[in-house]
Amino acid sequence: MDKKLDVMVIGAGPAGLAAAIQARKRGLDTLLVEKGCLVNSIYNYPENMTFFTTAELLEIGDVPFVVHAEKPKRVDALKYYRRCVQEYGIPFRDFERVISVRGEDFDFTVQTRNRIDEVSEYRTKKIVVATGYFDNPNLLDIPGEKLSKVSHYYTDPHPYYRKKVAVIGGKNSAAIAALELYRNGAEVTLIHRGTQIGRHVKYWILPDIENRIKNGEVTAYFNSQVKEISQHQIVIDTPKGEKVLENDFVFALTGYHPDSSFLVRMGIEVDPESYVPAHDPSTLETNVKGIYLAGSIISGKETNRIFIENGRFHGEQILAHLEPSLKQGRES
């Protein structure tokens, strides 16, 4: 591409999409690039998932999100965000991974590779990074974690009917998976290193999972950790010693983290402990002039600080600083 873009947005989750919309509203030449599909993280949520929030708090770009139920489901959100792209005519390249960023403010070169290994280069004046964290699970670093029976993502309970399934974790995703699997005929064991189910589990889910555990319908091991996974068993450390359990499948729902290595390769400074990238909280510009951050990538390991509900406003915050900078650059 010979023409230089005004703004390239890397990451097509709700925050990246909202930033691209704000750029389009201002008449800026914009391109949205995503290594997966549109709102890839939402696509990988459980198929029957219901959001914890109302539709109006997920809206971006002044596009109404209309659903019949009080809270939208995953399928509603996918349809809604497709409509947002169509509404604003956002130029969008999906299944195209950014492999390098070089240059400086007003003159960046971004190299990408698509799903059939074709390499492209784009020139852009500004960059917004909104890559989130959901693609990078927190690994257990134990033997057997790479077996095909192990997944860090839960989608649908049906394949696990009458199977012995271990769910590792104690937060919302683990509780929801354990309940759905149990109600669809799986024999569920929940393993959590904490003393109890997380107190921040949603108020209508918490008593449900606690009652299933109390009634023995879901077996739970607290203060426990999985030591090893094999094709037919798992080994766990419990307060009463080591236990070996028969097992068919494992869902390691232990959370996710941002890809800080991607940021570092662009020259962005990242705190090695918190994973929080250097940025100005008022403008969301990083220490690399001309590169901005949007969405949960800002919060580092504290992935529960920024959700769609607040990350959707980052685009307005960024463009309030970015647009005058572009105008000043044209005049200078």
C-alpha atoms as a PDB file:
ATOM      1  CA  MET A   1       0.000   0.000   0.000  1.00  0.00           C
ATOM      2  CA  ASP A   2       1.623   3.228  -1.197  1.00  0.00           C
ATOM      3  CA  LYS A   3      -0.831   5.614   0.431  1.00  0.00           C
ATOM      4  CA  LYS A   4      -0.084   6.462   4.039  1.00  0.00           C
ATOM      5  CA  LEU A   5      -2.938   5.824   6.467  1.00  0.00           C
ATOM      6  CA  ASP A   6      -3.858   8.303   9.157  1.00  0.00           C
ATOM      7  CA  VAL A   7      -4.567   5.580  11.725  1.00  0.00           C
ATOM      8  CA  MET A   8      -4.064   1.835  11.894  1.00  0.00           C
ATOM      9  CA  VAL A   9      -5.917   0.025  14.676  1.00  0.00           C
ATOM     10  CA  ILE A  10      -4.432  -3.340  15.665  1.00  0.00           C
ATOM     11  CA  GLY A  11      -7.039  -5.578  17.261  1.00  0.00           C
ATOM     12  CA  ALA A  12     -10.740  -5.768  16.357  1.00  0.00           C
ATOM     13  CA  GLY A  13     -12.295  -6.345  19.750  1.00  0.00           C
ATOM     14  CA  PRO A  14     -14.920  -3.867  20.983  1.00  0.00           C
ATOM     15  CA  ALA A  15     -12.250  -1.362  22.144  1.00  0.00           C
ATOM     16  CA  GLY A  16     -10.352  -1.483  18.852  1.00  0.00           C
ATOM     17  CA  LEU A  17     -13.563  -1.308  16.886  1.00  0.00           C
ATOM     18  CA  ALA A  18     -14.704   1.701  18.937  1.00  0.00           C
ATOM     19  CA  ALA A  19     -11.375   3.447  18.243  1.00  0.00           C
ATOM     20  CA  ALA A  20     -11.702   2.780  14.508  1.00  0.00           C
ATOM     21  CA  ILE A  21     -15.236   4.200  14.572  1.00  0.00           C
ATOM     22  CA  GLN A  22     -14.033   7.383  16.268  1.00  0.00           C
ATOM     23  CA  ALA A  23     -11.350   7.773  13.606  1.00  0.00           C
ATOM     24  CA  ARG A  24     -13.887   7.229  10.816  1.00  0.00           C
ATOM     25  CA  LYS A  25     -16.243   9.764  12.399  1.00  0.00           C
ATOM     26  CA  ARG A  26     -13.469  12.333  12.060  1.00  0.00           C
ATOM     27  CA  GLY A  27     -12.902  11.495   8.412  1.00  0.00           C
ATOM     28  CA  LEU A  28      -9.501   9.904   8.989  1.00  0.00           C
ATOM     29  CA  ASP A  29      -8.106   7.286   6.623  1.00  0.00           C
ATOM     30  CA  THR A  30      -8.306   4.240   8.871  1.00  0.00           C
ATOM     31  CA  LEU A  31      -7.575   0.514   8.702  1.00  0.00           C
ATOM     32  CA  LEU A  32      -8.541  -2.116  11.278  1.00  0.00           C
ATOM     33  CA  VAL A  33      -6.330  -5.231  11.385  1.00  0.00           C
ATOM     34  CA  GLU A  34      -7.095  -8.407  13.365  1.00  0.00           C
ATOM     35  CA  LYS A  35      -5.199 -11.706  13.582  1.00  0.00           C
ATOM     36  CA  GLY A  36      -8.445 -13.631  14.060  1.00  0.00           C
ATOM     37  CA  CYS A  37     -12.038 -12.814  13.218  1.00  0.00           C
ATOM     38  CA  LEU A  38     -14.007  -9.717  14.186  1.00  0.00           C
ATOM     39  CA  VAL A  39     -14.353  -9.542  18.011  1.00  0.00           C
ATOM     40  CA  ASN A  40     -12.361 -12.762  18.151  1.00  0.00           C
ATOM     41  CA  SER A  41     -12.437 -13.012  21.948  1.00  0.00           C
ATOM     42  CA  ILE A  42     -16.234 -12.832  22.064  1.00  0.00           C
ATOM     43  CA  TYR A  43     -16.402 -15.431  19.305  1.00  0.00           C
ATOM     44  CA  ASN A  44     -14.378 -17.765  21.564  1.00  0.00           C
ATOM     45  CA  TYR A  45     -16.650 -17.280  24.582  1.00  0.00           C
ATOM     46  CA  PRO A  46     -18.939 -20.197  25.534  1.00  0.00           C
ATOM     47  CA  GLU A  47     -21.565 -20.608  22.839  1.00  0.00           C
ATOM     48  CA  ASN A  48     -24.507 -20.078  25.187  1.00  0.00           C
ATOM     49  CA  MET A  49     -22.901 -17.320  27.235  1.00  0.00           C
ATOM     50  CA  THR A  50     -25.020 -14.468  28.582  1.00  0.00           C
ATOM     51  CA  PHE A  51     -23.254 -11.181  29.302  1.00  0.00           C
ATOM     52  CA  PHE A  52     -23.215  -9.961  32.888  1.00  0.00           C
ATOM     53  CA  THR A  53     -24.201  -6.478  31.743  1.00  0.00           C
ATOM     54  CA  THR A  54     -26.995  -4.868  29.762  1.00  0.00           C
ATOM     55  CA  ALA A  55     -26.882  -4.229  26.023  1.00  0.00           C
ATOM     56  CA  GLU A  56     -26.685  -0.449  26.359  1.00  0.00           C
ATOM     57  CA  LEU A  57     -23.377  -0.747  28.249  1.00  0.00           C
ATOM     58  CA  LEU A  58     -21.860  -2.655  25.311  1.00  0.00           C
ATOM     59  CA  GLU A  59     -22.833  -0.078  22.687  1.00  0.00           C
ATOM     60  CA  ILE A  60     -20.189   1.690  20.615  1.00  0.00           C
ATOM     61  CA  GLY A  61     -20.301   4.444  18.013  1.00  0.00           C
ATOM     62  CA  ASP A  62     -23.874   5.508  18.871  1.00  0.00           C
ATOM     63  CA  VAL A  63     -25.200   2.334  17.229  1.00  0.00           C
ATOM     64  CA  PRO A  64     -28.171   1.037  19.294  1.00  0.00           C
ATOM     65  CA  PHE A  65     -27.791  -2.514  20.619  1.00  0.00           C
ATOM     66  CA  VAL A  66     -31.369  -3.805  20.688  1.00  0.00           C
ATOM     67  CA  VAL A  67     -32.173  -7.215  22.208  1.00  0.00           C
ATOM     68  CA  HIS A  68     -35.381  -8.635  23.639  1.00  0.00           C
ATOM     69  CA  ALA A  69     -33.852 -10.078  26.811  1.00  0.00           C
ATOM     70  CA  GLU A  70     -32.524  -8.019  29.723  1.00  0.00           C
ATOM     71  CA  LYS A  71     -28.954  -9.184  29.041  1.00  0.00           C
ATOM     72  CA  PRO A  72     -27.558 -10.019  25.593  1.00  0.00           C
ATOM     73  CA  LYS A  73     -26.033 -13.358  24.653  1.00  0.00           C
ATOM     74  CA  ARG A  74     -22.799 -14.033  22.780  1.00  0.00           C
ATOM     75  CA  VAL A  75     -24.666 -14.486  19.481  1.00  0.00           C
ATOM     76  CA  ASP A  76     -26.383 -11.100  19.950  1.00  0.00           C
ATOM     77  CA  ALA A  77     -23.034  -9.367  20.477  1.00  0.00           C
ATOM     78  CA  LEU A  78     -21.478 -10.968  17.388  1.00  0.00           C
ATOM     79  CA  LYS A  79     -24.378  -9.754  15.268  1.00  0.00           C
ATOM     80  CA  TYR A  80     -24.242  -6.281  16.833  1.00  0.00           C
ATOM     81  CA  TYR A  81     -20.521  -5.707  16.259  1.00  0.00           C
ATOM     82  CA  ARG A  82     -20.805  -6.896  12.648  1.00  0.00           C
ATOM     83  CA  ARG A  83     -23.483  -4.239  12.214  1.00  0.00           C
ATOM     84  CA  CYS A  84     -21.158  -1.584  13.670  1.00  0.00           C
ATOM     85  CA  VAL A  85     -18.514  -2.376  11.028  1.00  0.00           C
ATOM     86  CA  GLN A  86     -21.130  -2.180   8.300  1.00  0.00           C
ATOM     87  CA  GLU A  87     -22.679   1.014   9.687  1.00  0.00           C
ATOM     88  CA  TYR A  88     -19.385   2.919   9.500  1.00  0.00           C
ATOM     89  CA  GLY A  89     -17.903   1.134   6.495  1.00  0.00           C
ATOM     90  CA  ILE A  90     -14.714   0.402   8.406  1.00  0.00           C
ATOM     91  CA  PRO A  91     -11.899  -0.972   6.209  1.00  0.00           C
ATOM     92  CA  PHE A  92     -11.094  -4.271   7.912  1.00  0.00           C
ATOM     93  CA  ARG A  93      -8.470  -6.973   7.385  1.00  0.00           C
ATOM     94  CA  ASP A  94      -9.187 -10.105   9.404  1.00  0.00           C
ATOM     95  CA  PHE A  95      -6.980 -13.187   9.833  1.00  0.00           C
ATOM     96  CA  GLU A  96      -3.982 -10.926   9.317  1.00  0.00           C
ATOM     97  CA  ARG A  97      -1.352 -10.876  12.062  1.00  0.00           C
ATOM     98  CA  VAL A  98       0.977  -7.926  12.639  1.00  0.00           C
ATOM     99  CA  ILE A  99       4.530  -9.259  12.662  1.00  0.00           C
ATOM    100  CA  SER A 100       6.536  -6.039  12.916  1.00  0.00           C
ATOM    101  CA  VAL A 101       6.203  -2.306  13.495  1.00  0.00           C
ATOM    102  CA  ARG A 102       9.058   0.041  12.691  1.00  0.00           C
ATOM    103  CA  GLY A 103       9.526   3.752  12.147  1.00  0.00           C
ATOM    104  CA  GLU A 104       8.425   6.755  14.150  1.00  0.00           C
ATOM    105  CA  ASP A 105       5.514   9.110  14.698  1.00  0.00           C
ATOM    106  CA  PHE A 106       3.876  10.093  11.369  1.00  0.00           C
ATOM    107  CA  ASP A 107       5.919   7.466   9.523  1.00  0.00           C
ATOM    108  CA  PHE A 108       5.336   3.922  10.781  1.00  0.00           C
ATOM    109  CA  THR A 109       5.660   0.831   8.606  1.00  0.00           C
ATOM    110  CA  VAL A 110       3.554  -2.134   9.715  1.00  0.00           C
ATOM    111  CA  GLN A 111       4.220  -5.586   8.279  1.00  0.00           C
ATOM    112  CA  THR A 112       1.541  -8.286   8.440  1.00  0.00           C
ATOM    113  CA  ARG A 113       1.084 -11.922   7.450  1.00  0.00           C
ATOM    114  CA  ASN A 114      -2.315 -13.353   6.552  1.00  0.00           C
ATOM    115  CA  ARG A 115      -3.689 -16.881   6.970  1.00  0.00           C
ATOM    116  CA  ILE A 116      -2.148 -18.081   3.693  1.00  0.00           C
ATOM    117  CA  ASP A 117       1.280 -16.614   4.568  1.00  0.00           C
ATOM    118  CA  GLU A 118       1.064 -13.597   2.287  1.00  0.00           C
ATOM    119  CA  VAL A 119       3.059 -10.665   3.673  1.00  0.00           C
ATOM    120  CA  SER A 120       1.820  -7.082   3.346  1.00  0.00           C
ATOM    121  CA  GLU A 121       3.223  -3.707   4.385  1.00  0.00           C
ATOM    122  CA  TYR A 122       1.288  -0.603   5.377  1.00  0.00           C
ATOM    123  CA  ARG A 123       2.437   2.916   6.121  1.00  0.00           C
ATOM    124  CA  THR A 124       0.577   4.865   8.775  1.00  0.00           C
ATOM    125  CA  LYS A 125       0.957   8.089  10.728  1.00  0.00           C
ATOM    126  CA  LYS A 126      -0.538   6.785  13.988  1.00  0.00           C
ATOM    127  CA  ILE A 127      -1.205   3.385  15.570  1.00  0.00           C
ATOM    128  CA  VAL A 128      -3.750   2.245  18.148  1.00  0.00           C
ATOM    129  CA  VAL A 129      -3.020  -1.114  19.798  1.00  0.00           C
ATOM    130  CA  ALA A 130      -6.086  -2.888  21.187  1.00  0.00           C
ATOM    131  CA  THR A 131      -4.938  -6.505  21.326  1.00  0.00           C
ATOM    132  CA  GLY A 132      -6.525  -7.454  24.660  1.00  0.00           C
ATOM    133  CA  TYR A 133      -5.408 -10.542  26.556  1.00  0.00           C
ATOM    134  CA  PHE A 134      -7.788 -13.433  25.796  1.00  0.00           C
ATOM    135  CA  ASP A 135      -5.417 -15.084  23.297  1.00  0.00           C
ATOM    136  CA  ASN A 136      -2.767 -15.673  25.969  1.00  0.00           C
ATOM    137  CA  PRO A 137      -3.808 -18.130  28.696  1.00  0.00           C
ATOM    138  CA  ASN A 138      -1.949 -18.378  31.984  1.00  0.00           C
ATOM    139  CA  LEU A 139      -0.224 -21.739  31.661  1.00  0.00           C
ATOM    140  CA  LEU A 140       0.069 -24.301  34.436  1.00  0.00           C
ATOM    141  CA  ASP A 141       3.593 -25.325  33.382  1.00  0.00           C
ATOM    142  CA  ILE A 142       3.022 -28.959  34.354  1.00  0.00           C
ATOM    143  CA  PRO A 143       3.608 -32.266  32.532  1.00  0.00           C
ATOM    144  CA  GLY A 144       0.771 -33.107  30.169  1.00  0.00           C
ATOM    145  CA  GLU A 145      -0.554 -29.583  29.714  1.00  0.00           C
ATOM    146  CA  LYS A 146      -0.006 -29.808  25.950  1.00  0.00           C
ATOM    147  CA  LEU A 147      -2.096 -32.962  25.534  1.00  0.00           C
ATOM    148  CA  SER A 148      -5.044 -32.566  23.156  1.00  0.00           C
ATOM    149  CA  LYS A 149      -7.466 -33.333  26.011  1.00  0.00           C
ATOM    150  CA  VAL A 150      -6.465 -30.059  27.730  1.00  0.00           C
ATOM    151  CA  SER A 151      -8.014 -26.715  26.781  1.00  0.00           C
ATOM    152  CA  HIS A 152      -7.718 -23.209  28.203  1.00  0.00           C
ATOM    153  CA  TYR A 153     -11.044 -22.262  26.623  1.00  0.00           C
ATOM    154  CA  TYR A 154     -14.514 -23.636  27.314  1.00  0.00           C
ATOM    155  CA  THR A 155     -17.165 -23.351  24.612  1.00  0.00           C
ATOM    156  CA  ASP A 156     -19.850 -26.045  24.634  1.00  0.00           C
ATOM    157  CA  PRO A 157     -20.773 -28.874  27.054  1.00  0.00           C
ATOM    158  CA  HIS A 158     -22.246 -31.393  24.618  1.00  0.00           C
ATOM    159  CA  PRO A 159     -19.054 -33.328  23.649  1.00  0.00           C
ATOM    160  CA  TYR A 160     -18.374 -34.090  27.328  1.00  0.00           C
ATOM    161  CA  TYR A 161     -21.577 -35.978  28.076  1.00  0.00           C
ATOM    162  CA  ARG A 162     -20.761 -38.889  30.433  1.00  0.00           C
ATOM    163  CA  LYS A 163     -17.078 -37.913  30.480  1.00  0.00           C
ATOM    164  CA  LYS A 164     -14.918 -37.279  33.525  1.00  0.00           C
ATOM    165  CA  VAL A 165     -14.033 -33.601  33.249  1.00  0.00           C
ATOM    166  CA  ALA A 166     -11.703 -31.561  35.460  1.00  0.00           C
ATOM    167  CA  VAL A 167     -12.192 -27.791  35.633  1.00  0.00           C
ATOM    168  CA  ILE A 168      -9.214 -25.891  37.050  1.00  0.00           C
ATOM    169  CA  GLY A 169      -9.975 -22.458  38.500  1.00  0.00           C
ATOM    170  CA  GLY A 170     -12.361 -20.736  40.875  1.00  0.00           C
ATOM    171  CA  LYS A 171     -13.614 -17.607  39.116  1.00  0.00           C
ATOM    172  CA  ASN A 172     -16.583 -16.882  36.848  1.00  0.00           C
ATOM    173  CA  SER A 173     -15.420 -18.851  33.819  1.00  0.00           C
ATOM    174  CA  ALA A 174     -14.614 -21.957  35.888  1.00  0.00           C
ATOM    175  CA  ALA A 175     -17.891 -21.807  37.822  1.00  0.00           C
ATOM    176  CA  ILE A 176     -19.958 -21.366  34.656  1.00  0.00           C
ATOM    177  CA  ALA A 177     -18.150 -24.210  32.876  1.00  0.00           C
ATOM    178  CA  ALA A 178     -18.543 -26.555  35.848  1.00  0.00           C
ATOM    179  CA  LEU A 179     -22.282 -25.841  36.088  1.00  0.00           C
ATOM    180  CA  GLU A 180     -22.946 -26.239  32.360  1.00  0.00           C
ATOM    181  CA  LEU A 181     -20.915 -29.429  32.131  1.00  0.00           C
ATOM    182  CA  TYR A 182     -22.702 -30.917  35.151  1.00  0.00           C
ATOM    183  CA  ARG A 183     -26.140 -30.035  33.771  1.00  0.00           C
ATOM    184  CA  ASN A 184     -25.274 -31.651  30.443  1.00  0.00           C
ATOM    185  CA  GLY A 185     -24.277 -34.994  31.871  1.00  0.00           C
ATOM    186  CA  ALA A 186     -20.549 -34.668  32.587  1.00  0.00           C
ATOM    187  CA  GLU A 187     -18.933 -35.930  35.796  1.00  0.00           C
ATOM    188  CA  VAL A 188     -17.290 -32.718  36.983  1.00  0.00           C
ATOM    189  CA  THR A 189     -14.376 -32.166  39.352  1.00  0.00           C
ATOM    190  CA  LEU A 190     -13.457 -28.566  40.224  1.00  0.00           C
ATOM    191  CA  ILE A 191      -9.891 -27.906  41.399  1.00  0.00           C
ATOM    192  CA  HIS A 192      -8.958 -24.524  42.842  1.00  0.00           C
ATOM    193  CA  ARG A 193      -5.854 -23.364  44.693  1.00  0.00           C
ATOM    194  CA  GLY A 194      -7.939 -20.952  46.777  1.00  0.00           C
ATOM    195  CA  THR A 195      -9.846 -21.776  49.911  1.00  0.00           C
ATOM    196  CA  GLN A 196     -13.266 -21.344  48.247  1.00  0.00           C
ATOM    197  CA  ILE A 197     -14.987 -20.187  45.084  1.00  0.00           C
ATOM    198  CA  GLY A 198     -13.929 -16.610  44.319  1.00  0.00           C
ATOM    199  CA  ARG A 199     -15.990 -13.965  46.091  1.00  0.00           C
ATOM    200  CA  HIS A 200     -16.239 -11.951  42.861  1.00  0.00           C
ATOM    201  CA  VAL A 201     -18.167 -14.699  41.056  1.00  0.00           C
ATOM    202  CA  LYS A 202     -21.475 -13.188  39.909  1.00  0.00           C
ATOM    203  CA  TYR A 203     -24.155 -13.158  42.590  1.00  0.00           C
ATOM    204  CA  TRP A 204     -26.565 -15.465  40.724  1.00  0.00           C
ATOM    205  CA  ILE A 205     -23.828 -18.003  39.899  1.00  0.00           C
ATOM    206  CA  LEU A 206     -22.120 -18.212  43.287  1.00  0.00           C
ATOM    207  CA  PRO A 207     -24.946 -19.863  45.276  1.00  0.00           C
ATOM    208  CA  ASP A 208     -25.622 -22.235  42.378  1.00  0.00           C
ATOM    209  CA  ILE A 209     -22.073 -23.619  42.226  1.00  0.00           C
ATOM    210  CA  GLU A 210     -21.784 -23.671  46.019  1.00  0.00           C
ATOM    211  CA  ASN A 211     -24.983 -25.715  46.300  1.00  0.00           C
ATOM    212  CA  ARG A 212     -23.869 -28.140  43.596  1.00  0.00           C
ATOM    213  CA  ILE A 213     -20.645 -28.689  45.552  1.00  0.00           C
ATOM    214  CA  LYS A 214     -22.493 -28.998  48.865  1.00  0.00           C
ATOM    215  CA  ASN A 215     -24.850 -31.612  47.383  1.00  0.00           C
ATOM    216  CA  GLY A 216     -21.963 -33.596  45.900  1.00  0.00           C
ATOM    217  CA  GLU A 217     -23.160 -33.001  42.340  1.00  0.00           C
ATOM    218  CA  VAL A 218     -19.835 -31.294  41.539  1.00  0.00           C
ATOM    219  CA  THR A 219     -16.769 -32.619  43.349  1.00  0.00           C
ATOM    220  CA  ALA A 220     -14.477 -29.817  44.524  1.00  0.00           C
ATOM    221  CA  TYR A 221     -10.889 -29.767  45.795  1.00  0.00           C
ATOM    222  CA  PHE A 222      -9.846 -26.468  47.382  1.00  0.00           C
ATOM    223  CA  ASN A 223      -6.324 -25.472  48.444  1.00  0.00           C
ATOM    224  CA  SER A 224      -5.307 -27.902  45.714  1.00  0.00           C
ATOM    225  CA  GLN A 225      -3.296 -27.861  42.501  1.00  0.00           C
ATOM    226  CA  VAL A 226      -2.936 -30.168  39.531  1.00  0.00           C
ATOM    227  CA  LYS A 227       0.604 -31.590  39.378  1.00  0.00           C
ATOM    228  CA  GLU A 228       0.427 -33.731  36.269  1.00  0.00           C
ATOM    229  CA  ILE A 229      -1.943 -34.660  33.448  1.00  0.00           C
ATOM    230  CA  SER A 230      -1.836 -37.932  31.519  1.00  0.00           C
ATOM    231  CA  GLN A 231      -4.138 -39.433  28.908  1.00  0.00           C
ATOM    232  CA  HIS A 232      -6.370 -41.170  31.445  1.00  0.00           C
ATOM    233  CA  GLN A 233      -5.614 -39.478  34.781  1.00  0.00           C
ATOM    234  CA  ILE A 234      -4.716 -36.304  36.604  1.00  0.00           C
ATOM    235  CA  VAL A 235      -2.565 -36.015  39.726  1.00  0.00           C
ATOM    236  CA  ILE A 236      -3.477 -33.322  42.246  1.00  0.00           C
ATOM    237  CA  ASP A 237      -1.928 -32.053  45.469  1.00  0.00           C
ATOM    238  CA  THR A 238      -4.570 -31.635  48.170  1.00  0.00           C
ATOM    239  CA  PRO A 239      -4.395 -30.747  51.887  1.00  0.00           C
ATOM    240  CA  LYS A 240      -4.856 -34.484  52.546  1.00  0.00           C
ATOM    241  CA  GLY A 241      -2.035 -35.508  50.224  1.00  0.00           C
ATOM    242  CA  GLU A 242      -1.665 -36.516  46.610  1.00  0.00           C
ATOM    243  CA  LYS A 243      -4.684 -37.896  44.742  1.00  0.00           C
ATOM    244  CA  VAL A 244      -4.863 -39.628  41.374  1.00  0.00           C
ATOM    245  CA  LEU A 245      -8.198 -39.178  39.562  1.00  0.00           C
ATOM    246  CA  GLU A 246      -9.513 -40.821  36.420  1.00  0.00           C
ATOM    247  CA  ASN A 247      -9.971 -38.150  33.780  1.00  0.00           C
ATOM    248  CA  ASP A 248     -11.037 -37.721  30.147  1.00  0.00           C
ATOM    249  CA  PHE A 249     -10.771 -33.945  29.635  1.00  0.00           C
ATOM    250  CA  VAL A 250      -9.327 -30.897  31.405  1.00  0.00           C
ATOM    251  CA  PHE A 251     -10.392 -27.245  31.201  1.00  0.00           C
ATOM    252  CA  ALA A 252      -7.609 -25.103  32.681  1.00  0.00           C
ATOM    253  CA  LEU A 253      -9.532 -21.854  33.186  1.00  0.00           C
ATOM    254  CA  THR A 254      -6.809 -20.055  35.111  1.00  0.00           C
ATOM    255  CA  GLY A 255      -7.024 -16.664  33.446  1.00  0.00           C
ATOM    256  CA  TYR A 256      -5.214 -14.816  30.668  1.00  0.00           C
ATOM    257  CA  HIS A 257      -2.591 -12.105  30.213  1.00  0.00           C
ATOM    258  CA  PRO A 258      -1.637  -9.557  27.539  1.00  0.00           C
ATOM    259  CA  ASP A 259       1.088 -10.256  24.980  1.00  0.00           C
ATOM    260  CA  SER A 260       3.705  -7.925  26.402  1.00  0.00           C
ATOM    261  CA  SER A 261       6.378  -9.230  24.018  1.00  0.00           C
ATOM    262  CA  PHE A 262       4.450  -7.723  21.098  1.00  0.00           C
ATOM    263  CA  LEU A 263       4.472  -4.331  22.810  1.00  0.00           C
ATOM    264  CA  VAL A 264       8.175  -4.564  23.679  1.00  0.00           C
ATOM    265  CA  ARG A 265       9.062  -5.300  20.039  1.00  0.00           C
ATOM    266  CA  MET A 266       7.466  -1.948  19.150  1.00  0.00           C
ATOM    267  CA  GLY A 267       9.620  -0.202  21.732  1.00  0.00           C
ATOM    268  CA  ILE A 268       6.885   0.187  24.346  1.00  0.00           C
ATOM    269  CA  GLU A 269       8.165  -0.126  27.903  1.00  0.00           C
ATOM    270  CA  VAL A 270       6.348  -2.782  29.957  1.00  0.00           C
ATOM    271  CA  ASP A 271       6.633  -3.264  33.710  1.00  0.00           C
ATOM    272  CA  PRO A 272       8.028  -6.803  34.182  1.00  0.00           C
ATOM    273  CA  GLU A 273       5.950  -7.452  37.313  1.00  0.00           C
ATOM    274  CA  SER A 274       2.553  -5.953  36.477  1.00  0.00           C
ATOM    275  CA  TYR A 275       2.777  -6.174  32.649  1.00  0.00           C
ATOM    276  CA  VAL A 276       1.376  -2.627  32.570  1.00  0.00           C
ATOM    277  CA  PRO A 277       2.707  -0.785  29.496  1.00  0.00           C
ATOM    278  CA  ALA A 278       4.027   2.758  29.823  1.00  0.00           C
ATOM    279  CA  HIS A 279       1.318   5.215  28.798  1.00  0.00           C
ATOM    280  CA  ASP A 280      -0.107   8.613  29.592  1.00  0.00           C
ATOM    281  CA  PRO A 281      -3.437   7.954  31.338  1.00  0.00           C
ATOM    282  CA  SER A 282      -4.917  11.182  30.001  1.00  0.00           C
ATOM    283  CA  THR A 283      -4.154  10.542  26.310  1.00  0.00           C
ATOM    284  CA  LEU A 284      -3.371   6.771  26.291  1.00  0.00           C
ATOM    285  CA  GLU A 285      -0.258   7.495  24.221  1.00  0.00           C
ATOM    286  CA  THR A 286       2.664   5.198  25.053  1.00  0.00           C
ATOM    287  CA  ASN A 287       6.299   6.125  25.515  1.00  0.00           C
ATOM    288  CA  VAL A 288       6.598   5.585  21.734  1.00  0.00           C
ATOM    289  CA  LYS A 289       5.169   8.796  20.349  1.00  0.00           C
ATOM    290  CA  GLY A 290       2.325   8.114  17.935  1.00  0.00           C
ATOM    291  CA  ILE A 291       1.395   4.684  19.365  1.00  0.00           C
ATOM    292  CA  TYR A 292      -1.678   4.535  21.617  1.00  0.00           C
ATOM    293  CA  LEU A 293      -3.334   1.794  23.700  1.00  0.00           C
ATOM    294  CA  ALA A 294      -7.031   0.939  23.987  1.00  0.00           C
ATOM    295  CA  GLY A 295      -8.945  -1.630  26.001  1.00  0.00           C
ATOM    296  CA  SER A 296      -7.736  -4.197  28.499  1.00  0.00           C
ATOM    297  CA  ILE A 297      -4.145  -4.210  27.179  1.00  0.00           C
ATOM    298  CA  ILE A 298      -3.671  -1.114  29.376  1.00  0.00           C
ATOM    299  CA  SER A 299      -4.279  -2.961  32.640  1.00  0.00           C
ATOM    300  CA  GLY A 300      -1.535  -5.606  32.400  1.00  0.00           C
ATOM    301  CA  LYS A 301      -2.169  -8.595  34.667  1.00  0.00           C
ATOM    302  CA  GLU A 302      -5.143  -6.893  36.321  1.00  0.00           C
ATOM    303  CA  THR A 303      -7.478  -7.994  33.560  1.00  0.00           C
ATOM    304  CA  ASN A 304     -10.566  -7.363  35.700  1.00  0.00           C
ATOM    305  CA  ARG A 305      -9.986  -3.579  35.703  1.00  0.00           C
ATOM    306  CA  ILE A 306     -11.059  -2.851  32.135  1.00  0.00           C
ATOM    307  CA  PHE A 307     -14.090  -4.378  30.441  1.00  0.00           C
ATOM    308  CA  ILE A 308     -16.068  -3.559  27.308  1.00  0.00           C
ATOM    309  CA  GLU A 309     -18.153  -1.171  29.415  1.00  0.00           C
ATOM    310  CA  ASN A 310     -15.240   1.209  30.083  1.00  0.00           C
ATOM    311  CA  GLY A 311     -12.783   0.236  27.313  1.00  0.00           C
ATOM    312  CA  ARG A 312     -15.308   1.332  24.674  1.00  0.00           C
ATOM    313  CA  PHE A 313     -14.606   4.976  25.623  1.00  0.00           C
ATOM    314  CA  HIS A 314     -10.864   4.773  25.005  1.00  0.00           C
ATOM    315  CA  GLY A 315     -11.324   5.575  21.322  1.00  0.00           C
ATOM    316  CA  GLU A 316     -12.815   8.987  22.128  1.00  0.00           C
ATOM    317  CA  GLN A 317     -10.008   9.648  24.605  1.00  0.00           C
ATOM    318  CA  ILE A 318      -7.326   8.719  22.067  1.00  0.00           C
ATOM    319  CA  LEU A 319      -8.833  10.626  19.140  1.00  0.00           C
ATOM    320  CA  ALA A 320      -9.212  13.755  21.251  1.00  0.00           C
ATOM    321  CA  HIS A 321      -5.405  13.816  21.375  1.00  0.00           C
ATOM    322  CA  LEU A 322      -4.591  12.119  18.081  1.00  0.00           C
ATOM    323  CA  GLU A 323      -6.675  14.288  15.740  1.00  0.00           C
ATOM    324  CA  PRO A 324      -5.124  17.643  16.787  1.00  0.00           C
ATOM    325  CA  SER A 325      -1.703  16.007  16.495  1.00  0.00           C
ATOM    326  CA  LEU A 326      -2.458  14.997  12.904  1.00  0.00           C
ATOM    327  CA  LYS A 327      -3.673  18.500  12.060  1.00  0.00           C
ATOM    328  CA  GLN A 328      -0.564  20.021  13.594  1.00  0.00           C
ATOM    329  CA  GLY A 329       1.586  17.588  11.624  1.00  0.00           C
ATOM    330  CA  ARG A 330      -0.069  18.618   8.360  1.00  0.00           C
ATOM    331  CA  GLU A 331       0.537  22.276   9.093  1.00  0.00           C
ATOM    332  CA  SER A 332       4.178  21.910  10.123  1.00  0.00           C
END
